[in-house]
Amino acid sequence: MASKVAGIDVHKKVLMVVVIDADTPAAKPERRRFTTMPSELCRLSTWLKEHGVEEAVMESTAQYWRPVWLELEPGVAGVGAIYPFASGASIFQSCSARAQA
């Protein structure tokens, strides 16, 4: 089980990101907002690495997840899997459920 998990709510122009630590569930989650510009996607990748994120879960209702996945998937140390959702439950619920598994 990954101890640090990120949830990414993907919109056309903005990403809402939360990082939680499954080892300390009482700890306050860290939240950050990024735009979908390439330089911001690079900042997101760096931020996730700095926080030791091992797994990320994305929620997107359209193809907007693709550039995010392309930035994170190839070589981000610490991000082992990206799961794009077509739509569904809140990303925060999904992220929390993955951390509890």
C-alpha atoms as a PDB file:
ATOM      1  CA  MET A   1       0.000   0.000   0.000  1.00  0.00           C
ATOM      2  CA  ALA A   2       1.220   3.453  -0.880  1.00  0.00           C
ATOM      3  CA  SER A   3       1.713   5.693   2.125  1.00  0.00           C
ATOM      4  CA  LYS A   4       1.472   8.996   0.261  1.00  0.00           C
ATOM      5  CA  VAL A   5      -1.397   9.317  -2.201  1.00  0.00           C
ATOM      6  CA  ALA A   6      -2.443  12.229  -4.421  1.00  0.00           C
ATOM      7  CA  GLY A   7      -5.896  12.935  -5.756  1.00  0.00           C
ATOM      8  CA  ILE A   8      -6.104  15.127  -8.848  1.00  0.00           C
ATOM      9  CA  ASP A   9      -9.398  16.661  -9.956  1.00  0.00           C
ATOM     10  CA  VAL A  10      -8.761  17.550 -13.602  1.00  0.00           C
ATOM     11  CA  HIS A  11     -10.606  20.417 -15.286  1.00  0.00           C
ATOM     12  CA  LYS A  12      -9.993  22.092 -18.631  1.00  0.00           C
ATOM     13  CA  LYS A  13      -7.822  24.903 -17.224  1.00  0.00           C
ATOM     14  CA  VAL A  14      -7.125  23.965 -13.616  1.00  0.00           C
ATOM     15  CA  LEU A  15      -6.083  20.997 -11.485  1.00  0.00           C
ATOM     16  CA  MET A  16      -7.117  20.689  -7.852  1.00  0.00           C
ATOM     17  CA  VAL A  17      -4.657  18.413  -6.070  1.00  0.00           C
ATOM     18  CA  VAL A  18      -4.706  16.912  -2.590  1.00  0.00           C
ATOM     19  CA  VAL A  19      -1.984  14.804  -0.963  1.00  0.00           C
ATOM     20  CA  ILE A  20      -2.728  12.582   2.006  1.00  0.00           C
ATOM     21  CA  ASP A  21      -0.527  10.359   4.132  1.00  0.00           C
ATOM     22  CA  ALA A  22      -2.124   6.962   4.758  1.00  0.00           C
ATOM     23  CA  ASP A  23       0.272   6.316   7.653  1.00  0.00           C
ATOM     24  CA  THR A  24      -1.114   9.315   9.555  1.00  0.00           C
ATOM     25  CA  PRO A  25      -4.786   9.616   8.559  1.00  0.00           C
ATOM     26  CA  ALA A  26      -5.403  12.278  11.211  1.00  0.00           C
ATOM     27  CA  ALA A  27      -2.875  14.580   9.523  1.00  0.00           C
ATOM     28  CA  LYS A  28      -4.311  17.482   7.559  1.00  0.00           C
ATOM     29  CA  PRO A  29      -4.227  16.877   3.765  1.00  0.00           C
ATOM     30  CA  GLU A  30      -2.177  19.282   1.676  1.00  0.00           C
ATOM     31  CA  ARG A  31      -4.106  20.952  -1.120  1.00  0.00           C
ATOM     32  CA  ARG A  32      -2.744  22.863  -4.066  1.00  0.00           C
ATOM     33  CA  ARG A  33      -4.107  24.343  -7.282  1.00  0.00           C
ATOM     34  CA  PHE A  34      -2.238  24.174 -10.590  1.00  0.00           C
ATOM     35  CA  THR A  35      -3.147  25.367 -14.062  1.00  0.00           C
ATOM     36  CA  THR A  36      -2.951  23.008 -17.034  1.00  0.00           C
ATOM     37  CA  MET A  37      -0.148  24.959 -18.728  1.00  0.00           C
ATOM     38  CA  PRO A  38       2.954  22.812 -19.451  1.00  0.00           C
ATOM     39  CA  SER A  39       5.124  24.741 -16.984  1.00  0.00           C
ATOM     40  CA  GLU A  40       2.517  24.179 -14.251  1.00  0.00           C
ATOM     41  CA  LEU A  41       2.326  20.464 -15.041  1.00  0.00           C
ATOM     42  CA  CYS A  42       6.082  20.356 -14.506  1.00  0.00           C
ATOM     43  CA  ARG A  43       5.592  22.173 -11.162  1.00  0.00           C
ATOM     44  CA  LEU A  44       2.944  19.606 -10.223  1.00  0.00           C
ATOM     45  CA  SER A  45       5.329  16.765 -11.004  1.00  0.00           C
ATOM     46  CA  THR A  46       8.047  18.362  -8.865  1.00  0.00           C
ATOM     47  CA  TRP A  47       5.607  19.056  -6.010  1.00  0.00           C
ATOM     48  CA  LEU A  48       4.441  15.429  -5.976  1.00  0.00           C
ATOM     49  CA  LYS A  49       8.038  14.193  -5.903  1.00  0.00           C
ATOM     50  CA  GLU A  50       8.907  16.575  -3.067  1.00  0.00           C
ATOM     51  CA  HIS A  51       5.988  15.193  -1.052  1.00  0.00           C
ATOM     52  CA  GLY A  52       7.013  11.580  -1.684  1.00  0.00           C
ATOM     53  CA  VAL A  53       3.781  10.681  -3.485  1.00  0.00           C
ATOM     54  CA  GLU A  54       3.786   7.025  -4.516  1.00  0.00           C
ATOM     55  CA  GLU A  55       0.430   6.859  -6.270  1.00  0.00           C
ATOM     56  CA  ALA A  56      -1.952   9.333  -7.875  1.00  0.00           C
ATOM     57  CA  VAL A  57      -5.621   9.070  -8.773  1.00  0.00           C
ATOM     58  CA  MET A  58      -7.195  11.366 -11.359  1.00  0.00           C
ATOM     59  CA  GLU A  59     -10.811  12.242 -11.995  1.00  0.00           C
ATOM     60  CA  SER A  60     -11.768  13.857 -15.271  1.00  0.00           C
ATOM     61  CA  THR A  61     -15.005  14.065 -17.214  1.00  0.00           C
ATOM     62  CA  ALA A  62     -13.254  14.567 -20.557  1.00  0.00           C
ATOM     63  CA  GLN A  63      -9.899  14.027 -22.240  1.00  0.00           C
ATOM     64  CA  TYR A  64      -8.259  16.724 -20.068  1.00  0.00           C
ATOM     65  CA  TRP A  65      -6.457  14.055 -18.015  1.00  0.00           C
ATOM     66  CA  ARG A  66      -4.205  13.118 -20.947  1.00  0.00           C
ATOM     67  CA  PRO A  67      -1.598  15.932 -20.677  1.00  0.00           C
ATOM     68  CA  VAL A  68      -1.421  15.368 -16.928  1.00  0.00           C
ATOM     69  CA  TRP A  69      -0.861  11.648 -17.414  1.00  0.00           C
ATOM     70  CA  LEU A  70       1.742  12.291 -20.117  1.00  0.00           C
ATOM     71  CA  GLU A  71       3.671  14.550 -17.733  1.00  0.00           C
ATOM     72  CA  LEU A  72       3.505  12.272 -14.694  1.00  0.00           C
ATOM     73  CA  GLU A  73       3.624   8.722 -16.065  1.00  0.00           C
ATOM     74  CA  PRO A  74       6.984   8.402 -17.873  1.00  0.00           C
ATOM     75  CA  GLY A  75       9.555   9.117 -15.229  1.00  0.00           C
ATOM     76  CA  VAL A  76       8.250  10.720 -12.087  1.00  0.00           C
ATOM     77  CA  ALA A  77      10.058   9.003  -9.241  1.00  0.00           C
ATOM     78  CA  GLY A  78       7.543   8.234  -6.538  1.00  0.00           C
ATOM     79  CA  VAL A  79       4.429   8.123  -8.743  1.00  0.00           C
ATOM     80  CA  GLY A  80       3.801   4.472  -9.476  1.00  0.00           C
ATOM     81  CA  ALA A  81       0.367   4.493 -11.054  1.00  0.00           C
ATOM     82  CA  ILE A  82      -2.085   6.878 -12.614  1.00  0.00           C
ATOM     83  CA  TYR A  83      -5.737   5.817 -12.820  1.00  0.00           C
ATOM     84  CA  PRO A  84      -7.794   8.077 -15.108  1.00  0.00           C
ATOM     85  CA  PHE A  85     -11.507   7.977 -14.297  1.00  0.00           C
ATOM     86  CA  ALA A  86     -14.150   8.784 -16.903  1.00  0.00           C
ATOM     87  CA  SER A  87     -16.311  10.245 -14.144  1.00  0.00           C
ATOM     88  CA  GLY A  88     -17.610   9.141 -10.807  1.00  0.00           C
ATOM     89  CA  ALA A  89     -17.224   9.726  -7.099  1.00  0.00           C
ATOM     90  CA  SER A  90     -15.411  12.718  -5.747  1.00  0.00           C
ATOM     91  CA  ILE A  91     -11.649  12.532  -6.215  1.00  0.00           C
ATOM     92  CA  PHE A  92     -11.196  13.050  -2.508  1.00  0.00           C
ATOM     93  CA  GLN A  93     -13.352  10.007  -1.775  1.00  0.00           C
ATOM     94  CA  SER A  94     -11.434   7.970  -4.360  1.00  0.00           C
ATOM     95  CA  CYS A  95      -8.094   9.084  -2.954  1.00  0.00           C
ATOM     96  CA  SER A  96      -9.189   8.315   0.583  1.00  0.00           C
ATOM     97  CA  ALA A  97     -10.471   4.873  -0.401  1.00  0.00           C
ATOM     98  CA  ARG A  98      -7.159   4.010  -2.114  1.00  0.00           C
ATOM     99  CA  ALA A  99      -5.236   5.081   0.992  1.00  0.00           C
ATOM    100  CA  GLN A 100      -7.416   2.881   3.208  1.00  0.00           C
ATOM    101  CA  ALA A 101      -6.973  -0.224   0.969  1.00  0.00           C
END
